[in-house]
Amino acid sequence: MLGISELAVILLVIVAVLAVKRLPDLARSSGKAARILKSEAKAMKEESRQGEVGQDRPDQAVYYVTEPLPEQRSRPADGQQGPGGRAA
């Protein structure tokens, strides 16, 4: 009877034989994922450090709305003429 360790070794050999063609792609994609994760962690660390100092990030843009959104504009009451002489 085979023990758990023998079954695990056999399973690893089968997986290695069947996945030989995919291993380079798997290693490449895991390397890319690790680099992305590392850069995101570094960016978050820098962002939190800047927040502690109280400095604003220069690449953040602030937008101000100068006119109301269409749904916030005043609408004429029923039967009254709207802009351009049309009934609302």
Protein backbone atom coordinates (compact mmCIF):
# COMPACT_ATOMS: atom_id res chain seq x y z
CA MET A 1 0.00 0.00 0.00
CA LEU A 2 1.27 3.49 -0.87
CA GLY A 3 1.61 6.09 1.84
CA ILE A 4 0.76 9.78 1.63
CA SER A 5 4.33 10.84 0.87
CA GLU A 6 4.62 8.38 -2.06
CA LEU A 7 1.30 9.58 -3.49
CA ALA A 8 2.44 13.19 -3.17
CA VAL A 9 5.68 12.45 -5.05
CA ILE A 10 3.80 10.63 -7.82
CA LEU A 11 1.33 13.52 -8.09
CA LEU A 12 4.18 16.04 -8.31
CA VAL A 13 5.86 14.02 -11.08
CA ILE A 14 2.61 13.80 -13.04
CA VAL A 15 1.96 17.52 -12.68
CA ALA A 16 5.55 18.33 -13.71
CA VAL A 17 5.36 16.11 -16.80
CA LEU A 18 2.00 17.46 -17.92
CA ALA A 19 2.79 21.10 -17.18
CA VAL A 20 6.32 21.35 -18.62
CA LYS A 21 5.08 23.48 -21.53
CA ARG A 22 3.19 25.85 -19.24
CA LEU A 23 5.81 26.28 -16.53
CA PRO A 24 7.78 29.10 -18.27
CA ASP A 25 4.57 31.07 -18.85
CA LEU A 26 3.49 30.46 -15.28
CA ALA A 27 6.85 31.62 -13.93
CA ARG A 28 6.81 34.69 -16.18
CA SER A 29 3.30 35.72 -15.15
CA SER A 30 4.02 35.15 -11.47
CA GLY A 31 7.14 37.34 -11.80
CA LYS A 32 5.10 40.11 -13.39
CA ALA A 33 2.49 39.84 -10.66
CA ALA A 34 5.18 40.02 -7.97
CA ARG A 35 6.68 43.15 -9.57
CA ILE A 36 3.28 44.84 -9.80
CA LEU A 37 2.48 43.97 -6.19
CA LYS A 38 5.85 45.30 -5.04
CA SER A 39 5.43 48.59 -6.91
CA GLU A 40 1.89 49.07 -5.58
CA ALA A 41 3.08 48.41 -2.01
CA LYS A 42 5.86 50.96 -2.49
CA ALA A 43 3.41 53.54 -3.87
CA MET A 44 1.03 53.02 -0.95
CA LYS A 45 3.91 53.38 1.50
CA GLU A 46 5.01 56.67 -0.11
CA GLU A 47 1.43 57.93 -0.19
CA SER A 48 0.90 57.21 3.49
CA ARG A 49 4.22 58.83 4.35
CA GLN A 50 3.23 62.00 2.43
CA GLY A 51 -0.12 62.02 4.21
CA GLU A 52 1.62 61.98 7.58
CA VAL A 53 3.79 64.96 6.63
CA GLY A 54 0.71 66.82 5.35
CA GLN A 55 1.97 67.39 1.84
CA ASP A 56 -0.45 67.21 -1.05
CA ARG A 57 0.52 65.15 -4.03
CA PRO A 58 1.39 67.49 -6.92
CA ASP A 59 -0.03 65.10 -9.51
CA GLN A 60 -3.53 65.22 -8.01
CA ALA A 61 -5.88 67.54 -9.84
CA VAL A 62 -8.75 69.41 -8.22
CA TYR A 63 -11.79 70.10 -10.36
CA TYR A 64 -14.36 72.79 -9.62
CA VAL A 65 -17.82 72.72 -11.14
CA THR A 66 -18.66 76.13 -12.60
CA GLU A 67 -22.21 75.48 -13.76
CA PRO A 68 -24.92 73.22 -12.37
CA LEU A 69 -25.43 69.72 -13.68
CA PRO A 70 -28.40 69.25 -16.05
CA GLU A 71 -30.48 67.60 -13.34
CA GLN A 72 -29.76 70.50 -10.95
CA ARG A 73 -30.84 73.27 -13.33
CA SER A 74 -34.18 74.89 -12.58
CA ARG A 75 -36.96 73.64 -14.81
CA PRO A 76 -40.01 75.68 -15.80
CA ALA A 77 -43.32 74.67 -14.24
CA ASP A 78 -45.94 72.85 -16.33
CA GLY A 79 -47.39 75.01 -19.09
CA GLN A 80 -44.74 77.72 -18.82
CA GLN A 81 -42.37 78.56 -21.60
CA GLY A 82 -38.85 77.25 -21.24
CA PRO A 83 -35.72 78.67 -22.86
CA GLY A 84 -36.16 79.23 -26.58
CA GLY A 85 -39.94 79.62 -26.35
CA ARG A 86 -40.65 75.91 -26.01
CA ALA A 87 -43.05 74.44 -23.50
CA ALA A 88 -41.46 72.18 -20.95
